[in-house]
Protein backbone atom coordinates (compact mmCIF):
# COMPACT_ATOMS: atom_id res chain seq x y z
CA MET A 1 0.26 0.08 0.17
CA LEU A 2 2.76 2.25 0.76
CA ARG A 3 4.05 1.79 -2.40
CA PHE A 4 1.30 2.83 -4.42
CA LEU A 5 0.61 6.28 -2.68
CA LEU A 6 4.67 6.95 -3.23
CA GLY A 7 3.76 6.02 -6.70
CA ARG A 8 0.88 7.92 -6.94
CA ILE A 9 2.51 10.78 -5.02
CA ALA A 10 5.42 10.71 -7.90
CA GLN A 11 3.19 10.75 -10.64
CA ALA A 12 0.96 13.46 -9.55
CA LEU A 13 3.82 15.80 -9.02
CA ILE A 14 5.61 14.50 -12.37
CA THR A 15 1.64 15.64 -13.90
CA LEU A 16 1.62 19.05 -11.85
CA PHE A 17 5.04 19.83 -13.35
CA ILE A 18 4.43 18.74 -16.45
CA ALA A 19 1.04 20.76 -16.85
CA SER A 20 2.65 23.87 -15.24
CA LEU A 21 5.37 24.01 -18.38
CA VAL A 22 2.86 23.72 -20.73
CA ILE A 23 0.37 26.88 -19.59
CA PHE A 24 3.59 28.65 -18.90
CA ALA A 25 4.84 28.21 -22.06
CA GLY A 26 2.00 28.33 -23.37
CA LEU A 27 0.64 31.51 -22.15
CA ARG A 28 3.68 33.19 -23.18
CA LEU A 29 3.31 32.63 -26.81
CA SER A 30 -0.39 33.77 -26.82
CA GLY A 31 0.63 37.58 -26.33
CA SER A 32 1.45 40.49 -23.61
CA PRO A 33 -0.74 41.46 -20.89
CA ALA A 34 0.02 45.17 -21.53
CA ASP A 35 -1.72 44.89 -24.33
CA PHE A 36 -5.39 44.67 -21.83
CA LEU A 37 -3.87 46.74 -19.15
CA LEU A 38 -2.47 49.60 -20.73
CA PRO A 39 -4.92 52.45 -22.45
CA PRO A 40 -4.86 51.97 -26.24
CA ASP A 41 -2.78 55.67 -26.69
CA ALA A 42 -0.36 54.06 -24.53
CA THR A 43 3.30 54.66 -26.40
CA PRO A 44 5.80 51.98 -26.97
CA ARG A 45 7.85 53.75 -23.88
CA ASP A 46 5.00 52.62 -21.68
CA ARG A 47 4.33 49.51 -23.22
CA GLN A 48 8.61 48.75 -22.09
CA ALA A 49 7.46 50.10 -19.15
CA MET A 50 4.51 47.96 -17.91
CA ILE A 51 6.79 44.36 -19.11
CA GLU A 52 9.26 45.21 -17.15
CA ARG A 53 7.14 46.22 -14.24
CA LEU A 54 5.29 42.61 -14.64
CA GLY A 55 8.85 40.73 -14.92
CA LEU A 56 7.96 39.40 -18.71
CA ASP A 57 11.28 41.23 -20.17
CA GLU A 58 13.40 37.92 -18.42
CA PRO A 59 14.11 35.17 -20.71
CA LEU A 60 11.19 32.65 -20.48
CA PHE A 61 13.48 29.82 -18.88
CA VAL A 62 14.43 32.55 -15.92
CA GLN A 63 10.11 33.04 -15.37
CA TYR A 64 9.62 29.73 -15.37
CA VAL A 65 12.28 29.21 -12.25
CA ILE A 66 11.16 32.37 -10.88
CA TYR A 67 7.46 30.19 -11.24
CA LEU A 68 8.30 27.08 -9.66
CA GLY A 69 10.00 29.15 -6.85
CA GLU A 70 7.47 31.01 -5.89
CA MET A 71 4.51 28.11 -5.96
CA ALA A 72 7.30 26.31 -3.96
CA ARG A 73 7.02 28.91 -0.83
CA GLY A 74 3.37 28.61 -1.70
CA GLU A 75 2.82 32.29 -3.30
CA PHE A 76 0.72 32.31 -6.57
CA GLY A 77 1.07 35.80 -6.73
CA THR A 78 -1.34 38.73 -7.86
CA SER A 79 -4.10 39.10 -10.49
CA LEU A 80 -3.17 41.32 -13.00
CA ARG A 81 -6.37 42.31 -13.97
CA ASN A 82 -8.44 43.23 -10.20
CA ARG A 83 -4.77 42.97 -7.87
CA GLN A 84 -6.89 40.63 -5.53
CA PRO A 85 -3.98 37.24 -3.91
CA VAL A 86 -4.16 35.17 -7.16
CA ALA A 87 -4.92 31.71 -4.00
CA ASP A 88 -8.18 33.84 -2.62
CA LEU A 89 -9.46 34.78 -6.09
CA VAL A 90 -9.21 30.76 -6.43
CA TRP A 91 -10.16 29.45 -3.51
CA ALA A 92 -12.82 31.55 -3.79
CA ARG A 93 -14.29 30.34 -7.18
CA PHE A 94 -13.09 26.49 -6.41
CA GLY A 95 -15.88 26.15 -3.57
CA ASN A 96 -18.55 27.41 -6.11
CA SER A 97 -18.07 25.27 -8.54
CA LEU A 98 -17.24 22.36 -6.40
CA GLY A 99 -20.76 22.89 -4.49
CA LEU A 100 -22.16 22.98 -7.88
CA ALA A 101 -20.75 20.04 -9.42
CA THR A 102 -21.95 18.13 -6.18
CA VAL A 103 -25.60 19.21 -7.34
CA ALA A 104 -25.52 17.92 -10.88
CA LEU A 105 -23.54 14.74 -9.45
CA ALA A 106 -26.69 13.74 -7.50
CA VAL A 107 -28.54 14.39 -10.42
CA THR A 108 -26.69 12.30 -12.34
CA VAL A 109 -26.70 9.02 -10.28
CA ILE A 110 -30.42 9.23 -9.38
CA VAL A 111 -31.66 10.17 -13.05
CA SER A 112 -28.84 7.99 -14.94
CA VAL A 113 -28.86 4.50 -12.52
CA PRO A 114 -32.79 4.14 -12.69
CA LEU A 115 -32.31 4.95 -16.33
CA GLY A 116 -29.41 2.57 -17.62
CA VAL A 117 -30.93 -0.43 -15.71
CA ALA A 118 -34.42 0.09 -16.69
CA ALA A 119 -33.22 0.31 -20.13
CA ALA A 120 -30.90 -3.14 -19.86
CA VAL A 121 -33.84 -4.78 -17.99
CA TYR A 122 -36.65 -3.81 -20.25
CA ARG A 123 -34.54 -4.49 -23.25
CA ARG A 124 -35.49 -3.46 -26.57
CA ARG A 125 -38.87 -2.61 -25.08
CA THR A 126 -40.54 0.86 -23.73
CA TRP A 127 -38.61 1.76 -20.83
CA ASP A 128 -35.25 0.51 -23.25
CA LYS A 129 -36.38 3.32 -26.13
CA PHE A 130 -37.37 6.10 -23.54
CA ALA A 131 -33.63 5.63 -21.96
CA LEU A 132 -31.57 5.75 -25.10
CA SER A 133 -33.60 8.82 -26.50
CA VAL A 134 -32.78 11.16 -23.30
CA ALA A 135 -29.37 9.50 -23.26
CA LEU A 136 -29.00 10.77 -27.26
CA LEU A 137 -30.58 14.02 -26.51
CA GLY A 138 -28.44 14.52 -23.49
CA GLN A 139 -25.08 14.01 -25.51
CA ALA A 140 -26.56 15.42 -29.09
CA LEU A 141 -27.54 19.45 -27.39
CA PRO A 142 -24.48 21.20 -26.33
CA ALA A 143 -24.63 22.37 -22.93
CA PHE A 144 -24.65 26.17 -23.92
CA TRP A 145 -27.62 25.84 -26.11
CA THR A 146 -29.29 23.33 -23.07
CA GLY A 147 -28.57 26.36 -20.45
CA ILE A 148 -29.76 28.78 -22.94
CA VAL A 149 -33.26 27.00 -23.67
CA ALA A 150 -33.64 26.62 -19.85
CA ILE A 151 -33.62 29.93 -18.82
CA LEU A 152 -35.97 30.97 -21.76
CA ILE A 153 -38.61 28.18 -20.67
CA PHE A 154 -37.99 28.38 -16.64
CA ALA A 155 -37.23 31.47 -15.39
CA VAL A 156 -38.53 34.09 -18.21
CA TRP A 157 -41.93 32.04 -19.61
CA LEU A 158 -42.37 30.62 -16.56
CA ASP A 159 -40.86 32.43 -13.99
CA TRP A 160 -39.63 29.42 -12.30
CA LEU A 161 -36.08 29.86 -11.39
CA PRO A 162 -33.66 32.32 -11.25
CA ALA A 163 -31.89 32.64 -14.95
CA ALA A 164 -28.17 33.35 -13.21
CA GLY A 165 -25.95 34.17 -9.84
CA ILE A 166 -25.90 32.37 -7.29
CA GLY A 167 -28.29 32.24 -4.34
CA ASP A 168 -30.27 29.65 -1.75
CA TRP A 169 -30.82 26.37 -3.64
CA THR A 170 -32.97 27.40 -6.79
CA HIS A 171 -29.59 29.40 -8.58
CA TYR A 172 -29.28 25.55 -8.73
CA VAL A 173 -31.71 24.19 -10.35
CA LEU A 174 -31.33 25.02 -13.76
CA PRO A 175 -27.02 24.61 -14.07
CA ALA A 176 -26.59 21.58 -12.06
CA LEU A 177 -29.58 19.89 -14.97
CA THR A 178 -27.72 21.35 -17.91
CA ILE A 179 -24.35 19.69 -16.65
CA GLY A 180 -26.36 16.66 -15.47
CA TRP A 181 -28.42 15.91 -18.33
CA PHE A 182 -25.08 15.74 -20.86
CA THR A 183 -23.26 13.51 -17.94
CA SER A 184 -26.36 11.21 -17.37
CA ALA A 185 -26.40 10.94 -20.88
CA GLY A 186 -23.30 8.53 -20.71
CA ILE A 187 -23.85 6.73 -17.87
CA VAL A 188 -27.04 5.38 -19.22
CA ARG A 189 -25.74 4.50 -22.16
CA LEU A 190 -22.33 2.81 -20.38
CA LEU A 191 -24.79 1.44 -17.45
CA ARG A 192 -27.16 -0.55 -19.96
CA SER A 193 -23.93 -2.17 -21.86
CA THR A 194 -22.20 -3.55 -18.46
CA MET A 195 -25.85 -4.66 -17.07
CA ILE A 196 -26.70 -6.17 -20.55
CA ASP A 197 -23.53 -8.23 -19.89
CA SER A 198 -24.07 -8.87 -16.04
CA LEU A 199 -27.02 -9.88 -16.45
CA GLU A 200 -26.09 -12.50 -19.66
CA SER A 201 -23.17 -14.18 -17.07
CA GLU A 202 -23.40 -17.63 -15.51
CA TYR A 203 -23.65 -16.52 -11.60
CA ILE A 204 -25.89 -14.18 -12.46
CA LYS A 205 -28.15 -17.35 -13.87
CA LEU A 206 -26.83 -19.27 -10.82
CA ALA A 207 -28.84 -17.05 -8.64
CA ARG A 208 -32.00 -17.40 -10.19
CA SER A 209 -31.54 -20.72 -10.46
CA LYS A 210 -31.69 -20.53 -6.31
CA GLY A 211 -34.92 -18.97 -6.27
CA LEU A 212 -33.97 -15.43 -5.49
CA GLY A 213 -36.18 -12.78 -6.65
CA GLU A 214 -35.68 -10.62 -10.13
CA GLY A 215 -35.33 -7.51 -7.78
CA ALA A 216 -32.27 -9.63 -5.45
CA VAL A 217 -30.63 -10.66 -8.61
CA VAL A 218 -30.88 -6.98 -10.87
CA TRP A 219 -29.86 -4.69 -7.99
CA LYS A 220 -27.80 -6.97 -5.44
CA HIS A 221 -25.55 -8.75 -7.41
CA ALA A 222 -25.88 -6.89 -10.86
CA VAL A 223 -25.88 -4.33 -10.45
CA ARG A 224 -22.71 -3.95 -8.17
CA ASN A 225 -20.87 -5.82 -10.70
CA ALA A 226 -21.85 -3.45 -13.56
CA LEU A 227 -21.33 -0.70 -11.47
CA LEU A 228 -17.48 -0.89 -11.96
CA PRO A 229 -16.77 0.85 -15.19
CA VAL A 230 -19.71 3.65 -14.42
CA VAL A 231 -17.39 4.47 -11.15
CA THR A 232 -14.25 5.37 -13.29
CA PHE A 233 -16.74 7.53 -16.06
CA LEU A 234 -18.41 9.61 -13.11
CA GLY A 235 -15.05 9.84 -11.16
CA PHE A 236 -13.83 11.78 -14.47
CA MET A 237 -16.88 13.29 -15.34
CA PHE A 238 -17.16 14.44 -12.00
CA SER A 239 -13.69 16.23 -12.62
CA ILE A 240 -14.99 17.46 -15.55
CA MET A 241 -17.69 19.10 -14.00
CA VAL A 242 -15.42 21.04 -11.35
CA THR A 243 -13.09 22.02 -13.73
CA MET A 244 -14.33 21.95 -17.63
CA SER A 245 -17.61 23.52 -17.09
CA ILE A 246 -16.57 26.87 -18.35
CA ALA A 247 -20.20 27.37 -21.46
CA THR A 248 -21.93 26.94 -18.46
CA GLU A 249 -20.81 28.93 -15.97
CA VAL A 250 -21.09 31.67 -17.83
CA VAL A 251 -24.20 30.94 -19.69
CA PHE A 252 -26.05 31.21 -16.14
CA ASN A 253 -22.91 33.88 -14.86
CA TRP A 254 -22.46 31.29 -11.75
CA PRO A 255 -19.15 33.03 -10.24
CA GLY A 256 -16.94 29.42 -10.53
CA LEU A 257 -13.37 28.24 -11.57
CA GLY A 258 -14.72 27.58 -14.80
CA ARG A 259 -15.75 31.54 -15.74
CA LEU A 260 -12.93 32.41 -14.13
CA ALA A 261 -10.61 31.08 -16.42
CA TYR A 262 -12.98 32.46 -19.24
CA GLU A 263 -12.42 35.79 -17.90
CA ALA A 264 -8.84 35.11 -16.89
CA MET A 265 -8.28 34.59 -20.82
CA ARG A 266 -9.69 36.98 -22.02
CA THR A 267 -7.04 38.99 -20.54
CA ARG A 268 -4.08 36.89 -20.55
CA ASP A 269 -3.91 37.12 -16.84
CA PHE A 270 -1.37 35.26 -16.35
CA PRO A 271 -1.01 34.14 -12.24
CA VAL A 272 -5.12 33.43 -12.68
CA LEU A 273 -4.54 31.41 -15.41
CA GLN A 274 -1.62 29.82 -14.11
CA PHE A 275 -3.21 28.78 -10.97
CA THR A 276 -5.59 27.57 -12.23
CA VAL A 277 -4.81 25.49 -14.55
CA ILE A 278 -2.80 24.16 -11.46
CA VAL A 279 -5.78 22.95 -9.25
CA PHE A 280 -7.46 21.75 -12.70
CA VAL A 281 -4.72 19.30 -12.64
CA GLY A 282 -5.06 18.67 -8.42
CA THR A 283 -8.60 18.08 -8.26
CA VAL A 284 -8.58 15.28 -11.78
CA ILE A 285 -5.26 13.40 -9.51
CA VAL A 286 -7.27 13.53 -6.36
CA ILE A 287 -10.72 12.24 -8.20
CA ASN A 288 -8.94 9.59 -9.86
CA PHE A 289 -7.60 7.90 -6.72
CA ILE A 290 -10.61 8.46 -5.31
CA VAL A 291 -11.99 6.56 -7.59
CA ASP A 292 -9.40 3.67 -7.55
CA ILE A 293 -10.40 3.19 -3.42
CA LEU A 294 -14.22 3.14 -4.26
CA TYR A 295 -12.62 0.14 -7.05
CA VAL A 296 -11.52 -1.63 -3.65
CA VAL A 297 -14.66 -1.15 -2.01
CA LEU A 298 -17.03 -2.21 -5.11
CA ASP A 299 -14.70 -4.99 -6.08
CA PRO A 300 -12.42 -6.65 -2.70
CA ARG A 301 -10.43 -9.28 -5.65
CA ILE A 302 -8.99 -5.87 -7.10
CA ARG A 303 -7.31 -5.39 -3.39
CA THR A 304 -5.02 -8.39 -4.53
């Protein structure tokens, strides 16, 4: 176990290093933030002075070494756009994204697991066709379009729910449903496929021959074994919900990490975008580690 943990920590550090190098170099190639910080009538001299003040006149290698040193000390700089500490900005937005992703994950599980199981048990019948139709629409419709239509129907026409921003539980409904529908589509199709294989396996036939009820056969035996690939997909999609729901957060004006990354990209706010990407990568690493642990809980054979 200790060897496993040390190996995972080493992989995480290497991944974070590569991610920091890629985003650092990519941002420098995209242009200079001085173009956004200076007024349109700024002179070349003003521009050069701004570049020197930001430390962008140093060679890229020197800039990167300075950046790594600051990260090692827990210093992530100050936002070029609003002059606030980067860590404070990112962690505040991260909490909002994590909360929204958690609600969206709950929606995903509540909707997709019963639909996926029903599609497999009632294969080629009405439930199966309905579940596959939901999955097809969820994967085909872009998230930003689904969000706009949801706002139009439930916020504008019916006036049931708020259209944007963050507040009480009602503000979570539309963005969580928008994110959760897309994820549910993949879970329904995956769970249907794995459930069909599970229901046709020998141990299910043995369970039925022993006289177990159909409910116990399906939910106690078939579903548990069919959930292994689903857990992997859920873990991966949860990290996507937390870190990459940029379109949904922009449409609903949700003050999350994705919207912060979008705003930082537009203004070339290097310190904010660099730390945001590091948090993105770290989130994916942590969630994948949790998925590995859940694997052991679901299938004790993996412990060996």
